[in-house]
Amino acid sequence: MNLPDLLEGRLVRRYKRFLADVQLADGSVVVAHCPNTGSMKNCAEPGSRVWLQDVNSPKRKLRYRWELVEVAGRYLACINTGRANELVREAIMANRIEALKGYSTIQTERPYGRERSRIDLLLSEPGLPNCFVEVKNLTLLEEGGLGTFPDAVTSRGRKHLRELMAVVESGERSVLFFNVAHSGVQRVEPAWDIDPAYAETLVEAVEAGVEVLAYGVQFSPGQLNLSRPLAFELGSRVGTNSQNSRGV
């Protein structure tokens, strides 16, 4: 994925979920749109280097959109969750996702399910079962290269897992795909300490046959690409020891 030219600045603060004050190189402070509904834990520290897109469209209330952040002075993270679906779609079309090769048709945002959802990507190919892919953007880095999801309690995320389980029950494939948009993440687990209900539901989903894939974003000047497979494990419940950890 090609990125537009970006402006570098320093984060002053993120507030009201969708707004961020950023100081540009000339000293001016602008209000940027923050395209991320999560808590952005560890990705919204005041003083961090950030990069904005100058959209400059008369149809937008805010001229700037926040795209990237430098985390802990060494990692890059893409906080624009709107890019996740396109990154995954591009990677599938380029045959970079081994488990999802063989599908020639990809549809986006198709209505489906018992709870009136929309699937991010629907893959189809004659002779193969349809494959429903739910994409999640992961930017939370814990210690030791561990990336966890979600970064805030998500009832919507549990709904998506229930829908994916129903897909498997109907005889088709379903995939939970973690788009890991953080260069420091080397492996992925559910965030048991943040949302144990989501983590428990994810355990149920895996046991029901939902597939889980995790791929890391590679950052290069002007580009984002998804081609770095990462290990996924179900991890440990809070208060349990490592002997009770569950892998997949």
C-alpha atoms as a PDB file:
ATOM      1  CA  MET A   1       0.000   0.000   0.000  1.00  0.00           C
ATOM      2  CA  ASN A   2       1.380   3.382  -0.997  1.00  0.00           C
ATOM      3  CA  LEU A   3       1.101   6.163   1.548  1.00  0.00           C
ATOM      4  CA  PRO A   4       0.642   9.811   0.629  1.00  0.00           C
ATOM      5  CA  ASP A   5       3.266  12.356   1.637  1.00  0.00           C
ATOM      6  CA  LEU A   6       3.058  12.798   5.398  1.00  0.00           C
ATOM      7  CA  LEU A   7       3.823  15.706   7.713  1.00  0.00           C
ATOM      8  CA  GLU A   8       5.855  15.032  10.833  1.00  0.00           C
ATOM      9  CA  GLY A   9       4.895  16.539  14.169  1.00  0.00           C
ATOM     10  CA  ARG A  10       4.741  15.957  17.908  1.00  0.00           C
ATOM     11  CA  LEU A  11       1.631  14.779  19.674  1.00  0.00           C
ATOM     12  CA  VAL A  12       0.336  17.275  22.205  1.00  0.00           C
ATOM     13  CA  ARG A  13      -2.706  15.242  23.263  1.00  0.00           C
ATOM     14  CA  ARG A  14      -5.390  12.898  22.011  1.00  0.00           C
ATOM     15  CA  TYR A  15      -8.904  13.630  23.286  1.00  0.00           C
ATOM     16  CA  LYS A  16     -12.590  12.944  22.667  1.00  0.00           C
ATOM     17  CA  ARG A  17     -11.469   9.712  20.924  1.00  0.00           C
ATOM     18  CA  PHE A  18     -11.409  11.261  17.458  1.00  0.00           C
ATOM     19  CA  LEU A  19      -9.311  14.394  17.987  1.00  0.00           C
ATOM     20  CA  ALA A  20      -5.593  15.027  18.450  1.00  0.00           C
ATOM     21  CA  ASP A  21      -3.591  18.220  18.878  1.00  0.00           C
ATOM     22  CA  VAL A  22      -0.280  18.021  17.011  1.00  0.00           C
ATOM     23  CA  GLN A  23       2.574  20.518  16.904  1.00  0.00           C
ATOM     24  CA  LEU A  24       4.107  20.771  13.442  1.00  0.00           C
ATOM     25  CA  ALA A  25       7.727  21.575  12.606  1.00  0.00           C
ATOM     26  CA  ASP A  26       6.961  25.299  12.237  1.00  0.00           C
ATOM     27  CA  GLY A  27       5.627  25.417  15.801  1.00  0.00           C
ATOM     28  CA  SER A  28       1.966  25.694  14.871  1.00  0.00           C
ATOM     29  CA  VAL A  29      -0.544  23.378  16.549  1.00  0.00           C
ATOM     30  CA  VAL A  30      -3.237  21.759  14.408  1.00  0.00           C
ATOM     31  CA  VAL A  31      -6.238  19.604  15.259  1.00  0.00           C
ATOM     32  CA  ALA A  32      -6.107  16.262  13.458  1.00  0.00           C
ATOM     33  CA  HIS A  33      -8.698  13.554  13.038  1.00  0.00           C
ATOM     34  CA  CYS A  34      -7.797  10.385  14.969  1.00  0.00           C
ATOM     35  CA  PRO A  35      -9.196   7.437  12.947  1.00  0.00           C
ATOM     36  CA  ASN A  36      -9.109   4.963  15.818  1.00  0.00           C
ATOM     37  CA  THR A  37     -11.917   4.112  18.240  1.00  0.00           C
ATOM     38  CA  GLY A  38      -9.781   2.097  20.669  1.00  0.00           C
ATOM     39  CA  SER A  39      -7.962   3.274  23.754  1.00  0.00           C
ATOM     40  CA  MET A  40      -4.673   3.426  21.784  1.00  0.00           C
ATOM     41  CA  LYS A  41      -2.845   2.290  24.911  1.00  0.00           C
ATOM     42  CA  ASN A  42       0.906   3.022  24.601  1.00  0.00           C
ATOM     43  CA  CYS A  43       0.320   4.717  21.223  1.00  0.00           C
ATOM     44  CA  ALA A  44      -0.870   8.161  22.321  1.00  0.00           C
ATOM     45  CA  GLU A  45       1.850   9.405  24.649  1.00  0.00           C
ATOM     46  CA  PRO A  46       2.267  13.207  24.582  1.00  0.00           C
ATOM     47  CA  GLY A  47       5.528  14.202  22.929  1.00  0.00           C
ATOM     48  CA  SER A  48       5.619  11.208  20.579  1.00  0.00           C
ATOM     49  CA  ARG A  49       6.617  11.738  16.962  1.00  0.00           C
ATOM     50  CA  VAL A  50       3.563  11.415  14.724  1.00  0.00           C
ATOM     51  CA  TRP A  51       2.841  11.700  11.018  1.00  0.00           C
ATOM     52  CA  LEU A  52      -0.250  13.295   9.506  1.00  0.00           C
ATOM     53  CA  GLN A  53      -1.850  13.268   6.089  1.00  0.00           C
ATOM     54  CA  ASP A  54      -2.843  16.669   4.753  1.00  0.00           C
ATOM     55  CA  VAL A  55      -6.187  15.713   3.229  1.00  0.00           C
ATOM     56  CA  ASN A  56      -7.189  19.334   2.554  1.00  0.00           C
ATOM     57  CA  SER A  57     -10.665  18.494   1.256  1.00  0.00           C
ATOM     58  CA  PRO A  58     -13.628  20.901   1.455  1.00  0.00           C
ATOM     59  CA  LYS A  59     -15.793  17.899   2.405  1.00  0.00           C
ATOM     60  CA  ARG A  60     -13.859  17.329   5.651  1.00  0.00           C
ATOM     61  CA  LYS A  61     -14.208  19.250   8.893  1.00  0.00           C
ATOM     62  CA  LEU A  62     -10.568  18.606   9.753  1.00  0.00           C
ATOM     63  CA  ARG A  63      -7.764  19.109   7.261  1.00  0.00           C
ATOM     64  CA  TYR A  64      -5.335  16.623   8.836  1.00  0.00           C
ATOM     65  CA  ARG A  65      -5.609  12.901   9.564  1.00  0.00           C
ATOM     66  CA  TRP A  66      -3.289  11.079  11.965  1.00  0.00           C
ATOM     67  CA  GLU A  67      -1.617   8.054  10.316  1.00  0.00           C
ATOM     68  CA  LEU A  68       1.546   6.904  12.137  1.00  0.00           C
ATOM     69  CA  VAL A  69       3.140   7.200  15.562  1.00  0.00           C
ATOM     70  CA  GLU A  70       6.588   6.385  16.906  1.00  0.00           C
ATOM     71  CA  VAL A  71       6.243   4.235  20.032  1.00  0.00           C
ATOM     72  CA  ALA A  72       8.861   4.180  22.794  1.00  0.00           C
ATOM     73  CA  GLY A  73      11.241   6.057  20.518  1.00  0.00           C
ATOM     74  CA  ARG A  74      11.949   3.011  18.351  1.00  0.00           C
ATOM     75  CA  TYR A  75       8.843   1.374  16.858  1.00  0.00           C
ATOM     76  CA  LEU A  76       6.321   2.502  14.271  1.00  0.00           C
ATOM     77  CA  ALA A  77       2.579   1.905  14.522  1.00  0.00           C
ATOM     78  CA  CYS A  78      -0.212   2.721  12.081  1.00  0.00           C
ATOM     79  CA  ILE A  79      -3.141   3.950  14.158  1.00  0.00           C
ATOM     80  CA  ASN A  80      -5.451   4.496  11.174  1.00  0.00           C
ATOM     81  CA  THR A  81      -7.691   1.436  11.496  1.00  0.00           C
ATOM     82  CA  GLY A  82      -9.286   2.277   8.158  1.00  0.00           C
ATOM     83  CA  ARG A  83      -6.174   0.972   6.390  1.00  0.00           C
ATOM     84  CA  ALA A  84      -6.319  -2.532   7.906  1.00  0.00           C
ATOM     85  CA  ASN A  85      -8.926  -4.051   5.577  1.00  0.00           C
ATOM     86  CA  GLU A  86      -7.168  -2.784   2.469  1.00  0.00           C
ATOM     87  CA  LEU A  87      -3.779  -4.056   3.669  1.00  0.00           C
ATOM     88  CA  VAL A  88      -5.216  -7.527   4.230  1.00  0.00           C
ATOM     89  CA  ARG A  89      -7.085  -7.496   0.914  1.00  0.00           C
ATOM     90  CA  GLU A  90      -3.922  -6.489  -0.963  1.00  0.00           C
ATOM     91  CA  ALA A  91      -1.904  -9.233   0.745  1.00  0.00           C
ATOM     92  CA  ILE A  92      -4.490 -11.892  -0.117  1.00  0.00           C
ATOM     93  CA  MET A  93      -4.648 -10.770  -3.751  1.00  0.00           C
ATOM     94  CA  ALA A  94      -0.834 -10.871  -3.938  1.00  0.00           C
ATOM     95  CA  ASN A  95      -0.833 -14.450  -2.547  1.00  0.00           C
ATOM     96  CA  ARG A  96       1.227 -13.430   0.488  1.00  0.00           C
ATOM     97  CA  ILE A  97      -1.176 -15.141   2.929  1.00  0.00           C
ATOM     98  CA  GLU A  98      -0.480 -18.863   2.597  1.00  0.00           C
ATOM     99  CA  ALA A  99      -3.669 -20.027   4.337  1.00  0.00           C
ATOM    100  CA  LEU A 100      -5.859 -17.888   2.073  1.00  0.00           C
ATOM    101  CA  LYS A 101      -4.443 -18.733  -1.347  1.00  0.00           C
ATOM    102  CA  GLY A 102      -6.754 -20.038  -4.062  1.00  0.00           C
ATOM    103  CA  TYR A 103      -9.557 -17.470  -3.843  1.00  0.00           C
ATOM    104  CA  SER A 104     -10.050 -15.287  -6.914  1.00  0.00           C
ATOM    105  CA  THR A 105     -12.990 -13.167  -5.732  1.00  0.00           C
ATOM    106  CA  ILE A 106     -12.986 -10.827  -2.737  1.00  0.00           C
ATOM    107  CA  GLN A 107     -16.061  -8.896  -1.676  1.00  0.00           C
ATOM    108  CA  THR A 108     -16.046  -6.263   1.063  1.00  0.00           C
ATOM    109  CA  GLU A 109     -18.551  -5.251   3.726  1.00  0.00           C
ATOM    110  CA  ARG A 110     -21.108  -7.909   2.824  1.00  0.00           C
ATOM    111  CA  PRO A 111     -24.113  -8.245   5.175  1.00  0.00           C
ATOM    112  CA  TYR A 112     -24.250 -11.625   6.920  1.00  0.00           C
ATOM    113  CA  GLY A 113     -24.968 -13.421  10.134  1.00  0.00           C
ATOM    114  CA  ARG A 114     -27.626 -13.856  12.765  1.00  0.00           C
ATOM    115  CA  GLU A 115     -26.790 -10.553  14.452  1.00  0.00           C
ATOM    116  CA  ARG A 116     -26.950  -8.367  11.346  1.00  0.00           C
ATOM    117  CA  SER A 117     -23.228  -7.885  10.852  1.00  0.00           C
ATOM    118  CA  ARG A 118     -21.044  -7.038   7.885  1.00  0.00           C
ATOM    119  CA  ILE A 119     -18.026  -9.178   7.093  1.00  0.00           C
ATOM    120  CA  ASP A 120     -14.843  -7.283   6.237  1.00  0.00           C
ATOM    121  CA  LEU A 121     -13.789  -9.653   3.441  1.00  0.00           C
ATOM    122  CA  LEU A 122     -15.711 -12.493   1.804  1.00  0.00           C
ATOM    123  CA  LEU A 123     -13.515 -14.800  -0.274  1.00  0.00           C
ATOM    124  CA  SER A 124     -15.024 -17.112  -2.862  1.00  0.00           C
ATOM    125  CA  GLU A 125     -13.849 -19.592  -5.480  1.00  0.00           C
ATOM    126  CA  PRO A 126     -15.742 -22.342  -7.336  1.00  0.00           C
ATOM    127  CA  GLY A 127     -15.143 -25.659  -5.617  1.00  0.00           C
ATOM    128  CA  LEU A 128     -14.054 -24.083  -2.324  1.00  0.00           C
ATOM    129  CA  PRO A 129     -16.138 -23.155   0.720  1.00  0.00           C
ATOM    130  CA  ASN A 130     -16.714 -19.427   1.112  1.00  0.00           C
ATOM    131  CA  CYS A 131     -14.258 -17.866   3.561  1.00  0.00           C
ATOM    132  CA  PHE A 132     -15.441 -15.066   5.885  1.00  0.00           C
ATOM    133  CA  VAL A 133     -12.558 -12.892   7.116  1.00  0.00           C
ATOM    134  CA  GLU A 134     -12.961 -10.517  10.057  1.00  0.00           C
ATOM    135  CA  VAL A 135     -10.024  -8.080  10.278  1.00  0.00           C
ATOM    136  CA  LYS A 136      -8.789  -6.562  13.539  1.00  0.00           C
ATOM    137  CA  ASN A 137      -6.103  -3.876  13.774  1.00  0.00           C
ATOM    138  CA  LEU A 138      -3.616  -4.542  16.582  1.00  0.00           C
ATOM    139  CA  THR A 139      -1.322  -1.811  17.943  1.00  0.00           C
ATOM    140  CA  LEU A 140      -0.853  -2.740  21.617  1.00  0.00           C
ATOM    141  CA  LEU A 141       2.687  -3.874  22.449  1.00  0.00           C
ATOM    142  CA  GLU A 142       3.345  -5.450  25.847  1.00  0.00           C
ATOM    143  CA  GLU A 143       6.692  -6.705  27.173  1.00  0.00           C
ATOM    144  CA  GLY A 144       8.865  -9.147  25.233  1.00  0.00           C
ATOM    145  CA  GLY A 145       7.438  -8.416  21.794  1.00  0.00           C
ATOM    146  CA  LEU A 146       3.943  -9.529  22.783  1.00  0.00           C
ATOM    147  CA  GLY A 147       1.050  -7.861  21.003  1.00  0.00           C
ATOM    148  CA  THR A 148      -2.429  -8.157  22.516  1.00  0.00           C
ATOM    149  CA  PHE A 149      -5.985  -7.458  21.399  1.00  0.00           C
ATOM    150  CA  PRO A 150      -8.207  -5.673  22.264  1.00  0.00           C
ATOM    151  CA  ASP A 151      -6.826  -2.507  23.868  1.00  0.00           C
ATOM    152  CA  ALA A 152     -10.251  -1.759  25.424  1.00  0.00           C
ATOM    153  CA  VAL A 153     -13.365  -3.753  26.293  1.00  0.00           C
ATOM    154  CA  THR A 154     -15.243  -4.621  23.084  1.00  0.00           C
ATOM    155  CA  SER A 155     -18.738  -6.076  23.056  1.00  0.00           C
ATOM    156  CA  ARG A 156     -18.717  -5.604  19.275  1.00  0.00           C
ATOM    157  CA  GLY A 157     -15.661  -7.836  19.021  1.00  0.00           C
ATOM    158  CA  ARG A 158     -17.472 -10.620  20.899  1.00  0.00           C
ATOM    159  CA  LYS A 159     -20.408 -10.259  18.514  1.00  0.00           C
ATOM    160  CA  HIS A 160     -18.060 -10.769  15.566  1.00  0.00           C
ATOM    161  CA  LEU A 161     -16.660 -13.928  17.147  1.00  0.00           C
ATOM    162  CA  ARG A 162     -20.158 -15.337  17.613  1.00  0.00           C
ATOM    163  CA  GLU A 163     -20.906 -14.623  13.955  1.00  0.00           C
ATOM    164  CA  LEU A 164     -17.709 -16.385  12.880  1.00  0.00           C
ATOM    165  CA  MET A 165     -18.632 -19.441  14.956  1.00  0.00           C
ATOM    166  CA  ALA A 166     -22.019 -19.546  13.252  1.00  0.00           C
ATOM    167  CA  VAL A 167     -20.283 -19.500   9.860  1.00  0.00           C
ATOM    168  CA  VAL A 168     -18.254 -22.577  10.791  1.00  0.00           C
ATOM    169  CA  GLU A 169     -21.420 -24.264  12.026  1.00  0.00           C
ATOM    170  CA  SER A 170     -22.961 -23.690   8.577  1.00  0.00           C
ATOM    171  CA  GLY A 171     -20.084 -25.555   6.919  1.00  0.00           C
ATOM    172  CA  GLU A 172     -18.044 -22.636   5.595  1.00  0.00           C
ATOM    173  CA  ARG A 173     -14.688 -21.151   6.645  1.00  0.00           C
ATOM    174  CA  SER A 174     -14.233 -18.228   8.972  1.00  0.00           C
ATOM    175  CA  VAL A 175     -11.017 -16.418   9.841  1.00  0.00           C
ATOM    176  CA  LEU A 176     -10.137 -13.872  12.488  1.00  0.00           C
ATOM    177  CA  PHE A 177      -7.240 -11.922  10.972  1.00  0.00           C
ATOM    178  CA  PHE A 178      -5.020  -9.735  13.145  1.00  0.00           C
ATOM    179  CA  ASN A 179      -3.486  -6.933  11.091  1.00  0.00           C
ATOM    180  CA  VAL A 180      -0.560  -6.188  13.410  1.00  0.00           C
ATOM    181  CA  ALA A 181       0.253  -2.567  12.626  1.00  0.00           C
ATOM    182  CA  HIS A 182       3.161  -2.256  15.077  1.00  0.00           C
ATOM    183  CA  SER A 183       6.780  -2.963  14.135  1.00  0.00           C
ATOM    184  CA  GLY A 184       7.680  -4.138  17.651  1.00  0.00           C
ATOM    185  CA  VAL A 185       5.162  -6.978  17.881  1.00  0.00           C
ATOM    186  CA  GLN A 186       6.554 -10.486  17.320  1.00  0.00           C
ATOM    187  CA  ARG A 187       3.701 -12.665  18.620  1.00  0.00           C
ATOM    188  CA  VAL A 188       0.018 -12.224  19.399  1.00  0.00           C
ATOM    189  CA  GLU A 189      -2.342 -13.185  22.234  1.00  0.00           C
ATOM    190  CA  PRO A 190      -5.762 -12.007  23.430  1.00  0.00           C
ATOM    191  CA  ALA A 191      -5.628  -9.308  26.115  1.00  0.00           C
ATOM    192  CA  TRP A 192      -6.868 -11.343  29.076  1.00  0.00           C
ATOM    193  CA  ASP A 193      -6.199  -8.517  31.524  1.00  0.00           C
ATOM    194  CA  ILE A 194      -8.140  -5.924  29.499  1.00  0.00           C
ATOM    195  CA  ASP A 195     -11.166  -7.905  28.285  1.00  0.00           C
ATOM    196  CA  PRO A 196     -11.336 -11.443  29.716  1.00  0.00           C
ATOM    197  CA  ALA A 197     -14.830 -11.922  28.259  1.00  0.00           C
ATOM    198  CA  TYR A 198     -13.458 -11.349  24.753  1.00  0.00           C
ATOM    199  CA  ALA A 199     -10.546 -13.697  25.426  1.00  0.00           C
ATOM    200  CA  GLU A 200     -12.886 -16.437  26.690  1.00  0.00           C
ATOM    201  CA  THR A 201     -15.081 -16.043  23.616  1.00  0.00           C
ATOM    202  CA  LEU A 202     -12.011 -16.275  21.410  1.00  0.00           C
ATOM    203  CA  VAL A 203     -11.098 -19.572  23.099  1.00  0.00           C
ATOM    204  CA  GLU A 204     -14.617 -20.829  22.309  1.00  0.00           C
ATOM    205  CA  ALA A 205     -14.289 -19.644  18.716  1.00  0.00           C
ATOM    206  CA  VAL A 206     -10.994 -21.462  18.168  1.00  0.00           C
ATOM    207  CA  GLU A 207     -12.418 -24.630  19.693  1.00  0.00           C
ATOM    208  CA  ALA A 208     -15.413 -24.281  17.352  1.00  0.00           C
ATOM    209  CA  GLY A 209     -13.141 -24.169  14.294  1.00  0.00           C
ATOM    210  CA  VAL A 210     -12.596 -20.451  13.684  1.00  0.00           C
ATOM    211  CA  GLU A 211      -9.132 -19.958  12.188  1.00  0.00           C
ATOM    212  CA  VAL A 212      -6.853 -17.229  13.563  1.00  0.00           C
ATOM    213  CA  LEU A 213      -4.111 -15.581  11.512  1.00  0.00           C
ATOM    214  CA  ALA A 214      -1.715 -12.822  12.523  1.00  0.00           C
ATOM    215  CA  TYR A 215       0.498 -10.892  10.118  1.00  0.00           C
ATOM    216  CA  GLY A 216       2.742  -7.930  10.835  1.00  0.00           C
ATOM    217  CA  VAL A 217       2.903  -4.734   8.809  1.00  0.00           C
ATOM    218  CA  GLN A 218       6.271  -3.895   7.287  1.00  0.00           C
ATOM    219  CA  PHE A 219       6.989  -0.162   7.297  1.00  0.00           C
ATOM    220  CA  SER A 220       9.109   1.420   4.579  1.00  0.00           C
ATOM    221  CA  PRO A 221       9.278   4.997   3.264  1.00  0.00           C
ATOM    222  CA  GLY A 222       5.953   5.774   1.650  1.00  0.00           C
ATOM    223  CA  GLN A 223       4.656   2.214   1.931  1.00  0.00           C
ATOM    224  CA  LEU A 224       2.923  -0.283   4.190  1.00  0.00           C
ATOM    225  CA  ASN A 225       2.914  -3.993   3.350  1.00  0.00           C
ATOM    226  CA  LEU A 226       1.553  -7.060   5.077  1.00  0.00           C
ATOM    227  CA  SER A 227       3.862 -10.040   4.676  1.00  0.00           C
ATOM    228  CA  ARG A 228       5.259 -10.938   8.111  1.00  0.00           C
ATOM    229  CA  PRO A 229       3.517 -14.011   9.613  1.00  0.00           C
ATOM    230  CA  LEU A 230       3.386 -13.960  13.409  1.00  0.00           C
ATOM    231  CA  ALA A 231       2.708 -16.657  15.971  1.00  0.00           C
ATOM    232  CA  PHE A 232      -0.691 -16.607  17.673  1.00  0.00           C
ATOM    233  CA  GLU A 233      -1.403 -18.209  21.041  1.00  0.00           C
ATOM    234  CA  LEU A 234      -4.466 -18.123  23.263  1.00  0.00           C
ATOM    235  CA  GLY A 235      -2.281 -17.297  26.262  1.00  0.00           C
ATOM    236  CA  SER A 236      -3.161 -17.561  29.928  1.00  0.00           C
ATOM    237  CA  ARG A 237      -6.121 -16.445  31.956  1.00  0.00           C
ATOM    238  CA  VAL A 238      -5.388 -13.812  34.583  1.00  0.00           C
ATOM    239  CA  GLY A 239      -4.276 -15.481  37.778  1.00  0.00           C
ATOM    240  CA  THR A 240      -3.197 -18.767  36.156  1.00  0.00           C
ATOM    241  CA  ASN A 241       0.316 -20.027  35.687  1.00  0.00           C
ATOM    242  CA  SER A 242       2.077 -20.751  32.419  1.00  0.00           C
ATOM    243  CA  GLN A 243       1.220 -24.425  32.631  1.00  0.00           C
ATOM    244  CA  ASN A 244      -2.391 -23.498  31.899  1.00  0.00           C
ATOM    245  CA  SER A 245      -1.563 -21.489  28.786  1.00  0.00           C
ATOM    246  CA  ARG A 246      -3.317 -22.556  25.602  1.00  0.00           C
ATOM    247  CA  GLY A 247      -1.811 -22.415  22.130  1.00  0.00           C
ATOM    248  CA  VAL A 248      -3.117 -22.775  18.631  1.00  0.00           C
END
